[in-house]
Amino acid sequence: MAEAQAKPKTQQSVARLSAFDPDYVSEKPQSYYDEIKRKFAEERDLRLKYRPEGTSQYTSDFEGELARFGEDPYGGDRKPRPAFNDTVEVLFTGGGFSALLASARLREYGIESIRIVERGADVGGTWYWNRYPGAACDVPSYDYLPLLDELDYVPKRRYARAPEIFEHCRRIAQHYNLYELAVFQTTVTSTVWDDEEKLWHVKTDRGDHMK
């Protein structure tokens, strides 16, 4: 049998991509899923209803002595740029591993209409912000770091340290040309769903209005 040739990559819509078989039908009864939902609701109530501050326990205005923790010590002055007022197929809030890996896979499928909005001055997410001495991943780096085969990279340590992980984030962005998709030193200020347009309206502190 002749070896099958790989199909050429073509421009695709995100709506056509699925991580699951669309014809798959679960053999589990509905009661199984109802019990999972019930358990999640029960755990949520334990976190929220029995603490007077409710959801505010998870937020901080970084006021007073905490204000300095809301600043970026690495990015320097914000570079001026024109505001974006456009529509993209996929928009990521944050430039960490989730956005990098998803963007890389979308690129592989030929999808170019992507934007990454990141408050810091570079990709990396938590590995951009956390650079204190001794910071490292606590699972084997061969499992933790994504796209090792694609980038032909082998971690230097079993538990990679923060500088190596941050550099791997940058390596992913460079390999997949993700820097051209990103807007840095930009904070999302609101996300509003428009049911008529079937689009999210995303605004930032730089005057952007993206969909």
Protein backbone atom coordinates (compact mmCIF):
# COMPACT_ATOMS: atom_id res chain seq x y z
CA MET A 1 0.00 0.00 0.00
CA ALA A 2 1.38 3.38 -0.96
CA GLU A 3 2.28 5.62 1.94
CA ALA A 4 -0.46 8.14 2.62
CA GLN A 5 0.54 11.71 1.95
CA ALA A 6 -0.20 14.37 4.52
CA LYS A 7 -2.99 16.68 3.52
CA PRO A 8 -1.90 20.28 3.00
CA LYS A 9 -2.88 22.71 5.70
CA THR A 10 -5.73 24.97 4.71
CA GLN A 11 -7.32 28.00 6.27
CA GLN A 12 -9.99 26.79 8.65
CA SER A 13 -12.53 28.31 10.97
CA VAL A 14 -12.17 27.78 14.69
CA ALA A 15 -15.81 26.73 14.79
CA ARG A 16 -14.94 23.64 12.74
CA LEU A 17 -12.25 22.43 15.12
CA SER A 18 -13.13 20.05 17.91
CA ALA A 19 -11.07 18.21 20.48
CA PHE A 20 -13.72 15.50 20.61
CA ASP A 21 -15.35 13.13 18.17
CA PRO A 22 -18.64 14.88 17.24
CA ASP A 23 -20.32 11.47 16.83
CA TYR A 24 -19.32 10.24 20.28
CA VAL A 25 -22.22 9.34 22.57
CA SER A 26 -21.53 8.80 26.25
CA GLU A 27 -22.62 5.50 27.74
CA LYS A 28 -22.98 7.01 31.20
CA PRO A 29 -26.50 7.85 32.44
CA GLN A 30 -27.58 11.45 32.90
CA SER A 31 -27.67 10.89 36.66
CA TYR A 32 -23.87 10.51 36.59
CA TYR A 33 -23.44 14.04 35.23
CA ASP A 34 -26.17 15.44 37.49
CA GLU A 35 -24.26 14.15 40.52
CA ILE A 36 -21.06 15.84 39.32
CA LYS A 37 -22.90 19.16 38.94
CA ARG A 38 -24.44 18.74 42.39
CA LYS A 39 -21.04 18.10 43.95
CA PHE A 40 -19.49 21.13 42.25
CA ALA A 41 -22.37 23.32 43.47
CA GLU A 42 -21.91 21.97 46.99
CA GLU A 43 -18.19 22.75 46.99
CA ARG A 44 -18.87 26.22 45.59
CA ASP A 45 -21.29 26.93 48.42
CA LEU A 46 -18.66 25.88 50.94
CA ARG A 47 -16.25 28.42 49.48
CA LEU A 48 -18.69 31.31 49.16
CA LYS A 49 -21.71 31.07 51.44
CA TYR A 50 -19.83 30.44 54.63
CA ARG A 51 -17.45 33.39 54.30
CA PRO A 52 -18.95 36.87 54.80
CA GLU A 53 -16.82 38.44 52.07
CA GLY A 54 -18.17 36.10 49.36
CA THR A 55 -16.38 36.39 46.02
CA SER A 56 -14.49 39.46 47.21
CA GLN A 57 -12.15 37.09 49.05
CA TYR A 58 -10.54 36.40 45.65
CA THR A 59 -9.94 40.01 44.61
CA SER A 60 -7.66 42.84 45.61
CA ASP A 61 -7.53 46.48 44.59
CA PHE A 62 -3.81 46.62 45.40
CA GLU A 63 -4.23 49.82 47.36
CA GLY A 64 -1.94 51.36 49.93
CA GLU A 65 1.06 49.19 50.75
CA LEU A 66 -0.15 46.54 48.28
CA ALA A 67 -0.11 48.93 45.30
CA ARG A 68 3.48 48.07 44.40
CA PHE A 69 2.48 44.45 43.79
CA GLY A 70 0.30 45.57 40.90
CA GLU A 71 3.23 47.16 39.07
CA ASP A 72 5.45 45.49 36.48
CA PRO A 73 9.07 45.66 37.69
CA TYR A 74 10.44 44.30 34.41
CA GLY A 75 8.65 46.06 31.56
CA GLY A 76 9.77 49.65 31.96
CA ASP A 77 7.70 52.50 30.53
CA ARG A 78 4.71 51.53 28.43
CA LYS A 79 5.44 51.89 24.74
CA PRO A 80 2.87 54.03 22.87
CA ARG A 81 0.79 52.31 20.19
CA PRO A 82 -2.45 52.98 18.31
CA ALA A 83 -5.63 51.46 19.74
CA PHE A 84 -7.11 48.36 18.13
CA ASN A 85 -10.70 48.47 16.96
CA ASP A 86 -11.18 45.24 15.05
CA THR A 87 -12.50 41.67 15.10
CA VAL A 88 -10.47 38.47 15.49
CA GLU A 89 -11.49 34.82 15.59
CA VAL A 90 -9.71 34.05 18.86
CA LEU A 91 -8.62 36.37 21.67
CA PHE A 92 -6.62 35.26 24.70
CA THR A 93 -6.44 37.22 27.94
CA GLY A 94 -2.93 36.57 29.18
CA GLY A 95 0.18 35.24 27.49
CA GLY A 96 0.94 32.17 29.59
CA PHE A 97 1.24 28.53 28.58
CA SER A 98 -2.49 28.14 27.85
CA ALA A 99 -2.50 30.96 25.31
CA LEU A 100 0.85 29.95 23.83
CA LEU A 101 -0.06 26.29 23.36
CA ALA A 102 -3.54 27.01 22.01
CA SER A 103 -2.18 29.66 19.63
CA ALA A 104 0.52 27.29 18.40
CA ARG A 105 -2.04 24.58 17.64
CA LEU A 106 -4.33 27.09 15.91
CA ARG A 107 -1.38 28.21 13.80
CA GLU A 108 -0.81 24.59 12.81
CA TYR A 109 -4.41 24.47 11.59
CA GLY A 110 -3.83 27.57 9.49
CA ILE A 111 -5.76 29.99 11.70
CA GLU A 112 -4.10 33.40 11.75
CA SER A 113 -6.80 35.65 13.22
CA ILE A 114 -5.55 35.46 16.81
CA ARG A 115 -4.72 38.04 19.45
CA ILE A 116 -3.00 37.70 22.81
CA VAL A 117 -3.61 40.52 25.31
CA GLU A 118 -0.99 40.53 28.06
CA ARG A 119 -0.51 42.92 31.00
CA GLY A 120 3.22 42.23 31.16
CA ALA A 121 5.84 43.24 28.63
CA ASP A 122 6.44 39.70 27.36
CA VAL A 123 4.87 36.25 27.15
CA GLY A 124 5.26 33.74 29.95
CA GLY A 125 2.36 34.34 32.31
CA THR A 126 3.33 33.34 35.83
CA TRP A 127 6.90 32.69 34.65
CA TYR A 128 7.17 36.28 33.47
CA TRP A 129 6.09 37.65 36.82
CA ASN A 130 7.69 35.21 39.25
CA ARG A 131 11.47 35.47 39.08
CA TYR A 132 12.38 35.13 42.74
CA PRO A 133 15.41 32.99 43.68
CA GLY A 134 14.72 29.26 43.63
CA ALA A 135 11.47 29.44 41.64
CA ALA A 136 10.94 26.23 39.65
CA CYS A 137 8.24 23.85 38.48
CA ASP A 138 7.24 21.11 40.94
CA VAL A 139 6.47 18.41 38.37
CA PRO A 140 8.97 16.80 35.96
CA SER A 141 9.80 19.38 33.33
CA TYR A 142 9.49 16.77 30.57
CA ASP A 143 5.78 16.65 31.39
CA TYR A 144 5.31 20.29 32.34
CA LEU A 145 6.90 22.09 29.39
CA PRO A 146 4.76 21.92 26.24
CA LEU A 147 5.87 21.51 22.62
CA LEU A 148 9.25 19.98 23.44
CA ASP A 149 9.18 17.70 20.39
CA GLU A 150 8.06 20.48 18.09
CA LEU A 151 10.89 22.73 19.25
CA ASP A 152 13.43 19.89 19.51
CA TYR A 153 14.27 20.95 23.05
CA VAL A 154 15.26 18.90 26.10
CA PRO A 155 14.98 20.54 29.54
CA LYS A 156 18.26 20.92 31.40
CA ARG A 157 16.87 19.75 34.74
CA ARG A 158 14.26 17.28 35.93
CA TYR A 159 12.54 20.21 37.65
CA ALA A 160 13.22 23.18 35.41
CA ARG A 161 13.96 26.48 37.09
CA ALA A 162 12.09 29.69 36.38
CA PRO A 163 14.59 31.28 33.95
CA GLU A 164 14.59 28.18 31.74
CA ILE A 165 10.80 27.97 31.76
CA PHE A 166 10.44 31.66 30.91
CA GLU A 167 12.92 31.25 28.07
CA HIS A 168 10.93 28.26 26.79
CA CYS A 169 7.80 30.43 26.71
CA ARG A 170 9.69 32.96 24.60
CA ARG A 171 11.02 30.17 22.40
CA ILE A 172 7.47 29.00 21.67
CA ALA A 173 6.37 32.54 20.80
CA GLN A 174 9.32 32.99 18.46
CA HIS A 175 8.95 29.59 16.79
CA TYR A 176 5.26 30.13 16.00
CA ASN A 177 5.55 33.87 15.31
CA LEU A 178 3.20 34.66 18.17
CA TYR A 179 4.82 37.98 19.02
CA GLU A 180 3.16 39.51 15.99
CA LEU A 181 -0.21 38.49 17.46
CA ALA A 182 0.36 39.91 20.94
CA VAL A 183 -0.30 43.30 22.51
CA PHE A 184 1.75 43.78 25.67
CA GLN A 185 1.50 46.14 28.64
CA THR A 186 -2.25 46.06 28.14
CA THR A 187 -4.93 45.18 30.69
CA VAL A 188 -8.41 43.97 29.79
CA THR A 189 -10.94 46.19 31.58
CA SER A 190 -14.22 44.67 30.39
CA THR A 191 -15.63 41.72 28.47
CA VAL A 192 -19.26 41.93 27.36
CA TRP A 193 -21.15 39.33 25.33
CA ASP A 194 -23.35 40.67 22.51
CA ASP A 195 -26.08 38.11 21.93
CA GLU A 196 -27.15 39.65 18.62
CA GLU A 197 -23.66 39.72 17.13
CA LYS A 198 -22.66 36.48 18.88
CA LEU A 199 -19.37 38.15 19.76
CA TRP A 200 -17.47 39.21 22.85
CA HIS A 201 -16.67 42.92 23.10
CA VAL A 202 -13.31 43.31 24.83
CA LYS A 203 -12.04 46.68 26.04
CA THR A 204 -8.65 47.53 27.54
CA ASP A 205 -6.88 50.30 29.40
CA ARG A 206 -5.18 51.34 26.14
CA GLY A 207 -8.43 52.36 24.42
CA ASP A 208 -8.79 49.10 22.48
CA HIS A 209 -12.21 47.76 21.49
CA MET A 210 -11.78 44.27 20.09
CA LYS A 211 -14.31 41.62 19.21
